[in-house]
Amino acid sequence: MVDGVSDAVSGAGAGPGGGGDVPVDLRPAARRAAAVVTGVADGQLGDPTPCTEFAVRDLLRHIGELAVGLQRTARKEVGEGTAAAPGASSGEQLPGDWRESLPHSLADLAVAWSAPDAWTGSTQAGGITLTGTEGGLVTLDELVVHGWDLARATGQEYELDEPSLRAVHSFLAGAVTDDGEQGIFGPVVHVGADAPLLDRIVGLAGRDPGWRPPT
């Protein structure tokens, strides 16, 4: 998840969107992800997602774990809570109150990254040492891409503010190999240059923008 982050941040540059005293305001993406979470029906928890290793319930749990862990990244709480390898599972089950607890965790995540100090100095995520800016862009990327994953898996609309989309696109594009084939999440799915920005983000993240749940 965070391999190639330094190259990605170089591509993204500083100040990609209107976050006031921070490079990017994560609150719009966190609110959108929270809205998608609350729109998931109980009967969809076992359904597949564009993350082929995750069913919907697994993706929800993963989002919850990221929301907590990346708060620690923002607060520079380097240690056990930020040392797990990318994609590692804690073995925990999806909590029974996920419709309430996950949106709260996502809101807390956005608050943590609204502090200017979160974007400075060094920190850790997934066991990798990052700058604060790298950590913030990783967090935004996780919110946007997994928000799309969950929305697409559960048949929900997914729209985001332009600054968030521009920042994530620059971040992901900055990590693509010179041959244009590999990104942070694996092989790039190529879409047309005139495709919507969200589709281009999804492709850079290794997803097919046309993915739909099997019927």
N, C-alpha and C. Protein backbone atom coordinates (compact mmCIF):
# COMPACT_ATOMS: atom_id res chain seq x y z
N MET A 1 0.82 -1.21 0.00
CA MET A 1 0.00 0.00 0.00
C MET A 1 0.85 1.25 0.00
N VAL A 2 1.95 1.26 0.78
CA VAL A 2 2.73 2.48 0.86
C VAL A 2 4.08 2.37 0.16
N ASP A 3 4.37 1.25 -0.54
CA ASP A 3 5.57 1.17 -1.34
C ASP A 3 5.51 2.21 -2.44
N GLY A 4 6.64 2.87 -2.70
CA GLY A 4 6.67 3.87 -3.77
C GLY A 4 6.06 5.19 -3.37
N VAL A 5 5.83 5.40 -2.07
CA VAL A 5 5.17 6.62 -1.64
C VAL A 5 6.02 7.86 -1.92
N SER A 6 7.33 7.78 -1.72
CA SER A 6 8.16 8.95 -1.93
C SER A 6 8.06 9.45 -3.37
N ASP A 7 8.10 8.53 -4.33
CA ASP A 7 7.93 8.93 -5.73
C ASP A 7 6.56 9.54 -5.96
N ALA A 8 5.55 8.97 -5.32
CA ALA A 8 4.19 9.48 -5.50
C ALA A 8 4.06 10.89 -4.96
N VAL A 9 4.65 11.14 -3.80
CA VAL A 9 4.57 12.48 -3.22
C VAL A 9 5.31 13.49 -4.08
N SER A 10 6.44 13.09 -4.66
CA SER A 10 7.16 13.99 -5.56
C SER A 10 6.27 14.38 -6.73
N GLY A 11 5.46 13.41 -7.20
CA GLY A 11 4.55 13.69 -8.30
C GLY A 11 3.40 14.58 -7.88
N ALA A 12 2.93 14.37 -6.65
CA ALA A 12 1.78 15.14 -6.18
C ALA A 12 2.17 16.57 -5.88
N GLY A 13 3.36 16.77 -5.36
CA GLY A 13 3.78 18.11 -5.01
C GLY A 13 3.08 18.60 -3.75
N ALA A 14 3.33 19.82 -3.37
CA ALA A 14 2.72 20.40 -2.18
C ALA A 14 1.53 21.25 -2.57
N GLY A 15 0.60 21.34 -1.66
CA GLY A 15 -0.54 22.21 -1.84
C GLY A 15 -1.50 21.85 -2.94
N PRO A 16 -1.91 20.54 -3.08
CA PRO A 16 -2.78 20.18 -4.19
C PRO A 16 -4.24 20.52 -3.99
N GLY A 17 -4.63 20.99 -2.83
CA GLY A 17 -6.05 21.27 -2.65
C GLY A 17 -6.30 22.12 -1.43
N GLY A 18 -7.48 22.73 -1.35
CA GLY A 18 -7.75 23.75 -0.36
C GLY A 18 -7.96 23.25 1.04
N GLY A 19 -6.91 23.03 1.78
CA GLY A 19 -7.04 22.58 3.15
C GLY A 19 -6.69 23.63 4.17
N GLY A 20 -6.71 24.92 3.79
CA GLY A 20 -6.37 25.94 4.76
C GLY A 20 -4.89 25.87 5.10
N ASP A 21 -4.59 25.54 6.36
CA ASP A 21 -3.21 25.46 6.81
C ASP A 21 -2.58 24.10 6.55
N VAL A 22 -3.29 23.20 5.90
CA VAL A 22 -2.75 21.89 5.55
C VAL A 22 -2.80 21.73 4.03
N PRO A 23 -1.94 20.85 3.47
CA PRO A 23 -1.91 20.73 2.01
C PRO A 23 -3.23 20.29 1.40
N VAL A 24 -3.94 19.37 2.06
CA VAL A 24 -5.22 18.87 1.54
C VAL A 24 -6.18 18.70 2.72
N ASP A 25 -7.41 19.11 2.53
CA ASP A 25 -8.45 18.92 3.54
C ASP A 25 -9.06 17.53 3.35
N LEU A 26 -8.86 16.66 4.32
CA LEU A 26 -9.37 15.29 4.21
C LEU A 26 -10.83 15.14 4.62
N ARG A 27 -11.43 16.20 5.13
CA ARG A 27 -12.79 16.07 5.64
C ARG A 27 -13.82 15.71 4.56
N PRO A 28 -13.77 16.28 3.36
CA PRO A 28 -14.77 15.87 2.35
C PRO A 28 -14.69 14.38 2.01
N ALA A 29 -13.48 13.86 1.84
CA ALA A 29 -13.34 12.44 1.51
C ALA A 29 -13.78 11.56 2.67
N ALA A 30 -13.48 11.97 3.90
CA ALA A 30 -13.90 11.19 5.07
C ALA A 30 -15.42 11.18 5.20
N ARG A 31 -16.04 12.34 4.97
CA ARG A 31 -17.52 12.40 5.05
C ARG A 31 -18.15 11.53 3.97
N ARG A 32 -17.56 11.55 2.76
CA ARG A 32 -18.15 10.74 1.69
C ARG A 32 -18.01 9.26 2.00
N ALA A 33 -16.84 8.85 2.50
CA ALA A 33 -16.66 7.45 2.87
C ALA A 33 -17.63 7.04 3.96
N ALA A 34 -17.84 7.92 4.94
CA ALA A 34 -18.78 7.61 6.02
C ALA A 34 -20.20 7.45 5.49
N ALA A 35 -20.59 8.28 4.54
CA ALA A 35 -21.93 8.16 3.97
C ALA A 35 -22.10 6.84 3.24
N VAL A 36 -21.05 6.40 2.54
CA VAL A 36 -21.12 5.11 1.86
C VAL A 36 -21.24 3.98 2.88
N VAL A 37 -20.47 4.05 3.96
CA VAL A 37 -20.55 3.03 5.02
C VAL A 37 -21.98 2.88 5.52
N THR A 38 -22.63 3.99 5.82
CA THR A 38 -23.98 3.92 6.37
C THR A 38 -25.00 3.44 5.35
N GLY A 39 -24.64 3.48 4.06
CA GLY A 39 -25.55 3.02 3.02
C GLY A 39 -25.46 1.54 2.71
N VAL A 40 -24.57 0.83 3.39
CA VAL A 40 -24.42 -0.61 3.16
C VAL A 40 -25.54 -1.37 3.86
N ALA A 41 -26.19 -2.25 3.15
CA ALA A 41 -27.27 -3.07 3.73
C ALA A 41 -26.69 -4.33 4.35
N ASP A 42 -27.36 -4.84 5.37
CA ASP A 42 -26.90 -6.06 6.04
C ASP A 42 -26.74 -7.21 5.05
N GLY A 43 -27.65 -7.30 4.10
CA GLY A 43 -27.60 -8.40 3.14
C GLY A 43 -26.47 -8.31 2.15
N GLN A 44 -25.71 -7.21 2.16
CA GLN A 44 -24.59 -7.04 1.24
C GLN A 44 -23.24 -7.39 1.86
N LEU A 45 -23.20 -7.75 3.12
CA LEU A 45 -21.93 -7.92 3.82
C LEU A 45 -21.08 -9.04 3.24
N GLY A 46 -21.69 -10.04 2.65
CA GLY A 46 -20.94 -11.14 2.05
C GLY A 46 -20.63 -10.95 0.59
N ASP A 47 -21.03 -9.82 0.01
CA ASP A 47 -20.84 -9.60 -1.43
C ASP A 47 -19.39 -9.30 -1.76
N PRO A 48 -18.97 -9.60 -3.01
CA PRO A 48 -17.59 -9.30 -3.43
C PRO A 48 -17.40 -7.81 -3.62
N THR A 49 -16.13 -7.40 -3.66
CA THR A 49 -15.75 -6.01 -3.88
C THR A 49 -14.65 -5.96 -4.93
N PRO A 50 -14.33 -4.77 -5.45
CA PRO A 50 -13.20 -4.67 -6.38
C PRO A 50 -11.86 -5.07 -5.76
N CYS A 51 -11.76 -5.04 -4.43
CA CYS A 51 -10.59 -5.61 -3.73
C CYS A 51 -10.84 -7.11 -3.66
N THR A 52 -10.25 -7.86 -4.53
CA THR A 52 -10.65 -9.26 -4.70
C THR A 52 -10.45 -10.10 -3.45
N GLU A 53 -9.57 -9.67 -2.55
CA GLU A 53 -9.36 -10.45 -1.33
C GLU A 53 -10.38 -10.13 -0.25
N PHE A 54 -11.22 -9.13 -0.47
CA PHE A 54 -12.17 -8.67 0.54
C PHE A 54 -13.61 -8.84 0.08
N ALA A 55 -14.45 -9.41 0.94
CA ALA A 55 -15.90 -9.23 0.82
C ALA A 55 -16.24 -7.88 1.46
N VAL A 56 -17.49 -7.46 1.33
CA VAL A 56 -17.89 -6.17 1.87
C VAL A 56 -17.58 -6.07 3.36
N ARG A 57 -17.90 -7.11 4.13
CA ARG A 57 -17.64 -7.03 5.57
C ARG A 57 -16.15 -6.87 5.87
N ASP A 58 -15.30 -7.54 5.06
CA ASP A 58 -13.85 -7.42 5.25
C ASP A 58 -13.37 -6.02 4.91
N LEU A 59 -13.93 -5.45 3.85
CA LEU A 59 -13.54 -4.10 3.46
C LEU A 59 -13.96 -3.09 4.53
N LEU A 60 -15.15 -3.26 5.09
CA LEU A 60 -15.59 -2.38 6.17
C LEU A 60 -14.64 -2.47 7.36
N ARG A 61 -14.26 -3.69 7.72
CA ARG A 61 -13.34 -3.87 8.84
C ARG A 61 -12.00 -3.21 8.52
N HIS A 62 -11.53 -3.40 7.29
CA HIS A 62 -10.26 -2.81 6.88
C HIS A 62 -10.31 -1.29 6.95
N ILE A 63 -11.40 -0.71 6.49
CA ILE A 63 -11.55 0.75 6.57
C ILE A 63 -11.51 1.21 8.01
N GLY A 64 -12.19 0.48 8.89
CA GLY A 64 -12.17 0.84 10.31
C GLY A 64 -10.79 0.76 10.91
N GLU A 65 -10.03 -0.27 10.56
CA GLU A 65 -8.67 -0.40 11.07
C GLU A 65 -7.77 0.71 10.53
N LEU A 66 -7.92 1.04 9.24
CA LEU A 66 -7.14 2.13 8.68
C LEU A 66 -7.46 3.46 9.35
N ALA A 67 -8.75 3.68 9.63
CA ALA A 67 -9.16 4.94 10.24
C ALA A 67 -8.49 5.13 11.59
N VAL A 68 -8.39 4.06 12.35
CA VAL A 68 -7.75 4.14 13.67
C VAL A 68 -6.23 4.25 13.51
N GLY A 69 -5.64 3.38 12.69
CA GLY A 69 -4.19 3.37 12.55
C GLY A 69 -3.64 4.66 11.97
N LEU A 70 -4.34 5.24 10.99
CA LEU A 70 -3.84 6.45 10.36
C LEU A 70 -4.09 7.70 11.20
N GLN A 71 -4.97 7.61 12.19
CA GLN A 71 -5.01 8.67 13.20
C GLN A 71 -3.70 8.69 13.98
N ARG A 72 -3.21 7.50 14.32
CA ARG A 72 -1.93 7.42 15.04
C ARG A 72 -0.79 7.95 14.18
N THR A 73 -0.87 7.68 12.88
CA THR A 73 0.14 8.21 11.96
C THR A 73 0.12 9.74 12.00
N ALA A 74 -1.06 10.33 11.99
CA ALA A 74 -1.17 11.79 12.04
C ALA A 74 -0.59 12.36 13.33
N ARG A 75 -0.79 11.63 14.43
CA ARG A 75 -0.33 12.12 15.74
C ARG A 75 1.10 11.70 16.05
N LYS A 76 1.77 11.06 15.10
CA LYS A 76 3.16 10.63 15.26
C LYS A 76 3.31 9.61 16.38
N GLU A 77 2.30 8.78 16.57
CA GLU A 77 2.35 7.75 17.61
C GLU A 77 3.01 6.50 17.02
N VAL A 78 4.30 6.60 16.79
CA VAL A 78 5.05 5.52 16.17
C VAL A 78 5.18 4.37 17.16
N GLY A 79 4.81 3.18 16.71
CA GLY A 79 4.86 2.02 17.59
C GLY A 79 4.00 0.90 17.06
N GLU A 80 3.49 0.09 17.95
CA GLU A 80 2.73 -1.10 17.54
C GLU A 80 1.55 -0.74 16.64
N GLY A 81 0.86 0.36 16.93
CA GLY A 81 -0.32 0.72 16.17
C GLY A 81 -0.06 1.16 14.76
N THR A 82 1.21 1.50 14.43
CA THR A 82 1.55 1.94 13.07
C THR A 82 2.57 1.02 12.41
N ALA A 83 2.86 -0.10 13.05
CA ALA A 83 3.94 -0.97 12.57
C ALA A 83 3.46 -2.13 11.72
N ALA A 84 2.16 -2.39 11.66
CA ALA A 84 1.67 -3.54 10.90
C ALA A 84 1.95 -3.34 9.42
N ALA A 85 2.31 -4.43 8.75
CA ALA A 85 2.60 -4.36 7.32
C ALA A 85 1.33 -4.01 6.55
N PRO A 86 1.45 -3.35 5.38
CA PRO A 86 0.27 -3.01 4.58
C PRO A 86 -0.58 -4.24 4.29
N GLY A 87 -1.87 -4.10 4.50
CA GLY A 87 -2.79 -5.18 4.20
C GLY A 87 -2.89 -6.21 5.30
N ALA A 88 -2.07 -6.08 6.35
CA ALA A 88 -2.11 -7.06 7.43
C ALA A 88 -3.43 -6.94 8.18
N SER A 89 -3.97 -8.06 8.60
CA SER A 89 -5.23 -8.07 9.33
C SER A 89 -4.98 -8.31 10.80
N SER A 90 -5.71 -7.63 11.63
CA SER A 90 -5.59 -7.83 13.07
C SER A 90 -6.31 -9.09 13.52
N GLY A 91 -7.09 -9.69 12.62
CA GLY A 91 -7.88 -10.85 13.00
C GLY A 91 -9.19 -10.50 13.67
N GLU A 92 -9.45 -9.22 13.85
CA GLU A 92 -10.69 -8.79 14.49
C GLU A 92 -11.86 -8.96 13.52
N GLN A 93 -13.03 -9.17 14.08
CA GLN A 93 -14.26 -9.24 13.30
C GLN A 93 -14.85 -7.84 13.15
N LEU A 94 -15.71 -7.69 12.16
CA LEU A 94 -16.41 -6.43 12.00
C LEU A 94 -17.26 -6.18 13.24
N PRO A 95 -17.10 -5.03 13.91
CA PRO A 95 -17.89 -4.80 15.14
C PRO A 95 -19.38 -4.69 14.83
N GLY A 96 -20.18 -5.09 15.80
CA GLY A 96 -21.62 -5.09 15.60
C GLY A 96 -22.20 -3.70 15.41
N ASP A 97 -21.52 -2.67 15.92
CA ASP A 97 -22.02 -1.30 15.79
C ASP A 97 -21.32 -0.54 14.67
N TRP A 98 -20.92 -1.26 13.62
CA TRP A 98 -20.09 -0.65 12.58
C TRP A 98 -20.74 0.55 11.92
N ARG A 99 -22.07 0.57 11.80
CA ARG A 99 -22.70 1.72 11.14
C ARG A 99 -22.53 3.01 11.95
N GLU A 100 -22.35 2.89 13.25
CA GLU A 100 -22.12 4.06 14.09
C GLU A 100 -20.63 4.29 14.33
N SER A 101 -19.89 3.22 14.61
CA SER A 101 -18.50 3.39 15.01
C SER A 101 -17.59 3.78 13.85
N LEU A 102 -17.82 3.23 12.65
CA LEU A 102 -16.94 3.56 11.53
C LEU A 102 -17.05 5.03 11.12
N PRO A 103 -18.26 5.59 10.98
CA PRO A 103 -18.31 7.02 10.66
C PRO A 103 -17.65 7.90 11.72
N HIS A 104 -17.78 7.52 13.00
CA HIS A 104 -17.10 8.29 14.04
C HIS A 104 -15.59 8.21 13.88
N SER A 105 -15.07 7.00 13.58
CA SER A 105 -13.63 6.85 13.39
C SER A 105 -13.14 7.64 12.19
N LEU A 106 -13.93 7.66 11.11
CA LEU A 106 -13.55 8.42 9.93
C LEU A 106 -13.55 9.93 10.21
N ALA A 107 -14.52 10.38 11.00
CA ALA A 107 -14.54 11.80 11.38
C ALA A 107 -13.33 12.14 12.23
N ASP A 108 -12.98 11.27 13.17
CA ASP A 108 -11.80 11.50 14.00
C ASP A 108 -10.53 11.50 13.16
N LEU A 109 -10.49 10.65 12.13
CA LEU A 109 -9.34 10.62 11.24
C LEU A 109 -9.15 11.96 10.54
N ALA A 110 -10.25 12.51 10.03
CA ALA A 110 -10.16 13.79 9.34
C ALA A 110 -9.72 14.90 10.30
N VAL A 111 -10.20 14.86 11.53
CA VAL A 111 -9.78 15.85 12.53
C VAL A 111 -8.28 15.74 12.79
N ALA A 112 -7.79 14.50 12.93
CA ALA A 112 -6.37 14.30 13.20
C ALA A 112 -5.50 14.91 12.10
N TRP A 113 -5.94 14.78 10.85
CA TRP A 113 -5.15 15.30 9.73
C TRP A 113 -5.45 16.77 9.43
N SER A 114 -6.35 17.37 10.20
CA SER A 114 -6.60 18.81 10.03
C SER A 114 -5.60 19.64 10.82
N ALA A 115 -4.79 18.98 11.65
CA ALA A 115 -3.75 19.69 12.41
C ALA A 115 -2.53 19.92 11.52
N PRO A 116 -2.08 21.15 11.34
CA PRO A 116 -0.91 21.39 10.48
C PRO A 116 0.31 20.56 10.88
N ASP A 117 0.49 20.32 12.17
CA ASP A 117 1.65 19.55 12.61
C ASP A 117 1.63 18.12 12.09
N ALA A 118 0.44 17.61 11.76
CA ALA A 118 0.37 16.24 11.25
C ALA A 118 1.13 16.09 9.94
N TRP A 119 1.24 17.16 9.19
CA TRP A 119 1.84 17.13 7.85
C TRP A 119 3.33 17.46 7.87
N THR A 120 3.91 17.62 9.06
CA THR A 120 5.32 17.96 9.17
C THR A 120 6.08 16.81 9.83
N GLY A 121 7.40 16.91 9.81
CA GLY A 121 8.21 15.92 10.50
C GLY A 121 8.12 14.54 9.88
N SER A 122 8.39 13.54 10.70
CA SER A 122 8.34 12.16 10.23
C SER A 122 7.34 11.36 11.05
N THR A 123 6.86 10.27 10.48
CA THR A 123 5.86 9.44 11.13
C THR A 123 5.99 8.03 10.57
N GLN A 124 4.98 7.20 10.81
CA GLN A 124 5.04 5.82 10.36
C GLN A 124 3.65 5.35 9.98
N ALA A 125 3.59 4.51 8.94
CA ALA A 125 2.35 3.83 8.56
C ALA A 125 2.73 2.52 7.90
N GLY A 126 2.07 1.45 8.27
CA GLY A 126 2.36 0.16 7.68
C GLY A 126 3.78 -0.30 7.90
N GLY A 127 4.40 0.15 9.00
CA GLY A 127 5.76 -0.23 9.30
C GLY A 127 6.81 0.53 8.52
N ILE A 128 6.41 1.53 7.74
CA ILE A 128 7.33 2.30 6.91
C ILE A 128 7.40 3.73 7.42
N THR A 129 8.61 4.25 7.54
CA THR A 129 8.79 5.63 7.97
C THR A 129 8.46 6.57 6.82
N LEU A 130 7.64 7.57 7.11
CA LEU A 130 7.17 8.52 6.11
C LEU A 130 7.34 9.94 6.64
N THR A 131 7.36 10.89 5.73
CA THR A 131 7.18 12.28 6.16
C THR A 131 5.70 12.49 6.48
N GLY A 132 5.43 13.58 7.19
CA GLY A 132 4.03 13.89 7.47
C GLY A 132 3.21 14.06 6.21
N THR A 133 3.78 14.72 5.20
CA THR A 133 3.06 14.91 3.94
C THR A 133 2.77 13.59 3.26
N GLU A 134 3.75 12.70 3.26
CA GLU A 134 3.53 11.37 2.69
C GLU A 134 2.40 10.65 3.42
N GLY A 135 2.41 10.73 4.75
CA GLY A 135 1.36 10.08 5.53
C GLY A 135 -0.01 10.63 5.23
N GLY A 136 -0.11 11.96 5.07
CA GLY A 136 -1.40 12.56 4.77
C GLY A 136 -1.92 12.16 3.41
N LEU A 137 -1.05 12.08 2.42
CA LEU A 137 -1.49 11.69 1.09
C LEU A 137 -1.84 10.21 1.01
N VAL A 138 -1.10 9.38 1.74
CA VAL A 138 -1.49 7.97 1.85
C VAL A 138 -2.89 7.86 2.43
N THR A 139 -3.17 8.63 3.48
CA THR A 139 -4.47 8.58 4.13
C THR A 139 -5.58 9.00 3.16
N LEU A 140 -5.37 10.09 2.44
CA LEU A 140 -6.37 10.53 1.48
C LEU A 140 -6.60 9.48 0.40
N ASP A 141 -5.52 8.90 -0.08
CA ASP A 141 -5.64 7.85 -1.09
C ASP A 141 -6.48 6.68 -0.58
N GLU A 142 -6.22 6.26 0.65
CA GLU A 142 -7.00 5.15 1.23
C GLU A 142 -8.48 5.50 1.32
N LEU A 143 -8.78 6.71 1.74
CA LEU A 143 -10.18 7.14 1.85
C LEU A 143 -10.87 7.12 0.49
N VAL A 144 -10.21 7.68 -0.50
CA VAL A 144 -10.84 7.82 -1.82
C VAL A 144 -10.99 6.47 -2.51
N VAL A 145 -9.93 5.70 -2.55
CA VAL A 145 -9.97 4.44 -3.29
C VAL A 145 -10.87 3.43 -2.60
N HIS A 146 -10.73 3.28 -1.29
CA HIS A 146 -11.60 2.31 -0.61
C HIS A 146 -13.04 2.80 -0.52
N GLY A 147 -13.23 4.10 -0.51
CA GLY A 147 -14.60 4.61 -0.59
C GLY A 147 -15.26 4.21 -1.90
N TRP A 148 -14.49 4.33 -3.00
CA TRP A 148 -15.00 3.89 -4.30
C TRP A 148 -15.24 2.38 -4.30
N ASP A 149 -14.30 1.60 -3.76
CA ASP A 149 -14.47 0.15 -3.69
C ASP A 149 -15.80 -0.21 -3.04
N LEU A 150 -16.06 0.41 -1.89
CA LEU A 150 -17.26 0.07 -1.12
C LEU A 150 -18.52 0.54 -1.85
N ALA A 151 -18.46 1.73 -2.41
CA ALA A 151 -19.63 2.24 -3.14
C ALA A 151 -19.95 1.36 -4.33
N ARG A 152 -18.94 0.99 -5.10
CA ARG A 152 -19.18 0.19 -6.28
C ARG A 152 -19.70 -1.20 -5.90
N ALA A 153 -19.17 -1.77 -4.83
CA ALA A 153 -19.60 -3.11 -4.40
C ALA A 153 -21.04 -3.13 -3.93
N THR A 154 -21.52 -1.99 -3.44
CA THR A 154 -22.86 -1.95 -2.84
C THR A 154 -23.86 -1.12 -3.66
N GLY A 155 -23.47 -0.77 -4.89
CA GLY A 155 -24.40 -0.09 -5.79
C GLY A 155 -24.72 1.34 -5.42
N GLN A 156 -23.78 2.04 -4.78
CA GLN A 156 -24.02 3.43 -4.37
C GLN A 156 -23.29 4.39 -5.30
N GLU A 157 -23.85 5.58 -5.44
CA GLU A 157 -23.18 6.64 -6.19
C GLU A 157 -21.95 7.11 -5.41
N TYR A 158 -20.95 7.58 -6.14
CA TYR A 158 -19.73 8.02 -5.47
C TYR A 158 -19.16 9.22 -6.20
N GLU A 159 -19.28 10.38 -5.58
CA GLU A 159 -18.74 11.61 -6.14
C GLU A 159 -17.91 12.29 -5.07
N LEU A 160 -16.86 12.98 -5.50
CA LEU A 160 -15.96 13.64 -4.56
C LEU A 160 -15.62 15.04 -5.05
N ASP A 161 -15.15 15.86 -4.11
CA ASP A 161 -14.74 17.21 -4.45
C ASP A 161 -13.50 17.19 -5.34
N GLU A 162 -13.37 18.18 -6.17
CA GLU A 162 -12.27 18.25 -7.13
C GLU A 162 -10.90 18.29 -6.47
N PRO A 163 -10.68 19.06 -5.39
CA PRO A 163 -9.34 19.05 -4.78
C PRO A 163 -8.91 17.67 -4.31
N SER A 164 -9.81 16.89 -3.73
CA SER A 164 -9.45 15.54 -3.30
C SER A 164 -9.07 14.68 -4.49
N LEU A 165 -9.86 14.75 -5.55
CA LEU A 165 -9.57 13.94 -6.73
C LEU A 165 -8.25 14.33 -7.37
N ARG A 166 -7.99 15.62 -7.49
CA ARG A 166 -6.73 16.06 -8.11
C ARG A 166 -5.54 15.58 -7.29
N ALA A 167 -5.64 15.69 -5.97
CA ALA A 167 -4.53 15.29 -5.11
C ALA A 167 -4.25 13.80 -5.22
N VAL A 168 -5.30 12.99 -5.20
CA VAL A 168 -5.10 11.54 -5.27
C VAL A 168 -4.59 11.14 -6.64
N HIS A 169 -5.10 11.76 -7.69
CA HIS A 169 -4.62 11.42 -9.02
C HIS A 169 -3.13 11.73 -9.14
N SER A 170 -2.71 12.89 -8.69
CA SER A 170 -1.30 13.25 -8.75
C SER A 170 -0.46 12.29 -7.91
N PHE A 171 -0.98 11.93 -6.75
CA PHE A 171 -0.27 11.00 -5.86
C PHE A 171 -0.05 9.65 -6.53
N LEU A 172 -1.11 9.08 -7.08
CA LEU A 172 -1.00 7.77 -7.71
C LEU A 172 -0.18 7.82 -9.00
N ALA A 173 -0.38 8.86 -9.79
CA ALA A 173 0.38 8.98 -11.04
C ALA A 173 1.87 9.11 -10.77
N GLY A 174 2.23 9.73 -9.65
CA GLY A 174 3.63 9.91 -9.31
C GLY A 174 4.35 8.62 -8.96
N ALA A 175 3.60 7.56 -8.69
CA ALA A 175 4.20 6.28 -8.30
C ALA A 175 4.25 5.27 -9.44
N VAL A 176 3.71 5.62 -10.59
CA VAL A 176 3.68 4.67 -11.71
C VAL A 176 5.09 4.50 -12.27
N THR A 177 5.44 3.27 -12.59
CA THR A 177 6.76 2.98 -13.15
C THR A 177 6.93 3.64 -14.52
N ASP A 178 8.17 3.73 -14.94
CA ASP A 178 8.47 4.45 -16.19
C ASP A 178 7.75 3.86 -17.39
N ASP A 179 7.48 2.56 -17.35
CA ASP A 179 6.78 1.96 -18.49
C ASP A 179 5.27 2.13 -18.41
N GLY A 180 4.79 2.77 -17.33
CA GLY A 180 3.37 3.05 -17.20
C GLY A 180 2.52 1.87 -16.81
N GLU A 181 3.14 0.78 -16.37
CA GLU A 181 2.37 -0.44 -16.15
C GLU A 181 2.12 -0.78 -14.68
N GLN A 182 2.96 -0.32 -13.77
CA GLN A 182 2.83 -0.69 -12.37
C GLN A 182 2.64 0.55 -11.50
N GLY A 183 1.67 0.46 -10.56
CA GLY A 183 1.45 1.52 -9.61
C GLY A 183 1.60 1.00 -8.19
N ILE A 184 1.20 1.80 -7.21
CA ILE A 184 1.32 1.41 -5.81
C ILE A 184 0.56 0.12 -5.54
N PHE A 185 -0.60 -0.04 -6.15
CA PHE A 185 -1.47 -1.17 -5.87
C PHE A 185 -1.28 -2.34 -6.83
N GLY A 186 -0.29 -2.25 -7.72
CA GLY A 186 -0.10 -3.32 -8.69
C GLY A 186 -0.28 -2.82 -10.10
N PRO A 187 -0.60 -3.72 -11.04
CA PRO A 187 -0.72 -3.33 -12.45
C PRO A 187 -1.78 -2.25 -12.66
N VAL A 188 -1.43 -1.27 -13.46
CA VAL A 188 -2.36 -0.19 -13.80
C VAL A 188 -3.40 -0.70 -14.78
N VAL A 189 -4.65 -0.30 -14.58
CA VAL A 189 -5.71 -0.56 -15.56
C VAL A 189 -5.84 0.71 -16.41
N HIS A 190 -5.50 0.62 -17.68
CA HIS A 190 -5.45 1.81 -18.52
C HIS A 190 -6.85 2.23 -18.96
N VAL A 191 -7.10 3.52 -18.82
CA VAL A 191 -8.34 4.12 -19.31
C VAL A 191 -7.95 5.30 -20.19
N GLY A 192 -8.91 5.79 -20.94
CA GLY A 192 -8.60 6.88 -21.85
C GLY A 192 -8.22 8.16 -21.12
N ALA A 193 -7.38 8.96 -21.76
CA ALA A 193 -6.94 10.22 -21.16
C ALA A 193 -8.10 11.18 -20.96
N ASP A 194 -9.19 10.99 -21.71
CA ASP A 194 -10.35 11.86 -21.56
C ASP A 194 -11.40 11.26 -20.63
N ALA A 195 -11.07 10.16 -19.95
CA ALA A 195 -12.01 9.54 -19.00
C ALA A 195 -12.18 10.45 -17.79
N PRO A 196 -13.30 10.33 -17.08
CA PRO A 196 -13.47 11.12 -15.86
C PRO A 196 -12.30 10.92 -14.91
N LEU A 197 -11.99 11.95 -14.14
CA LEU A 197 -10.84 11.90 -13.24
C LEU A 197 -10.94 10.74 -12.26
N LEU A 198 -12.13 10.46 -11.74
CA LEU A 198 -12.28 9.36 -10.81
C LEU A 198 -11.96 8.03 -11.49
N ASP A 199 -12.37 7.84 -12.74
CA ASP A 199 -12.04 6.61 -13.45
C ASP A 199 -10.53 6.46 -13.63
N ARG A 200 -9.85 7.57 -13.90
CA ARG A 200 -8.40 7.51 -14.05
C ARG A 200 -7.73 7.16 -12.73
N ILE A 201 -8.26 7.67 -11.63
CA ILE A 201 -7.74 7.32 -10.30
C ILE A 201 -7.92 5.82 -10.05
N VAL A 202 -9.11 5.34 -10.32
CA VAL A 202 -9.40 3.93 -10.10
C VAL A 202 -8.47 3.04 -10.92
N GLY A 203 -8.23 3.42 -12.17
CA GLY A 203 -7.31 2.66 -13.01
C GLY A 203 -5.89 2.66 -12.47
N LEU A 204 -5.42 3.83 -12.02
CA LEU A 204 -4.08 3.91 -11.43
C LEU A 204 -3.97 3.07 -10.17
N ALA A 205 -5.10 2.89 -9.48
CA ALA A 205 -5.11 2.07 -8.27
C ALA A 205 -5.31 0.59 -8.57
N GLY A 206 -5.27 0.22 -9.85
CA GLY A 206 -5.34 -1.19 -10.22
C GLY A 206 -6.73 -1.76 -10.29
N ARG A 207 -7.74 -0.88 -10.33
CA ARG A 207 -9.13 -1.33 -10.44
C ARG A 207 -9.67 -1.05 -11.84
N ASP A 208 -10.63 -1.84 -12.23
CA ASP A 208 -11.34 -1.60 -13.48
C ASP A 208 -12.51 -0.66 -13.19
N PRO A 209 -12.52 0.55 -13.76
CA PRO A 209 -13.62 1.47 -13.48
C PRO A 209 -14.99 0.92 -13.85
N GLY A 210 -15.02 -0.08 -14.75
CA GLY A 210 -16.29 -0.68 -15.14
C GLY A 210 -16.71 -1.84 -14.28
N TRP A 211 -15.99 -2.12 -13.21
CA TRP A 211 -16.32 -3.27 -12.35
C TRP A 211 -17.71 -3.11 -11.77
N ARG A 212 -18.45 -4.21 -11.79
CA ARG A 212 -19.78 -4.27 -11.14
C ARG A 212 -19.87 -5.60 -10.41
N PRO A 213 -20.65 -5.67 -9.35
CA PRO A 213 -20.84 -6.95 -8.66
C PRO A 213 -21.45 -7.96 -9.62
N PRO A 214 -21.01 -9.21 -9.57
CA PRO A 214 -21.62 -10.23 -10.43
C PRO A 214 -23.10 -10.41 -10.09
N THR A 215 -23.90 -10.65 -11.09
CA THR A 215 -25.34 -10.84 -10.86
C THR A 215 -25.65 -12.33 -10.83
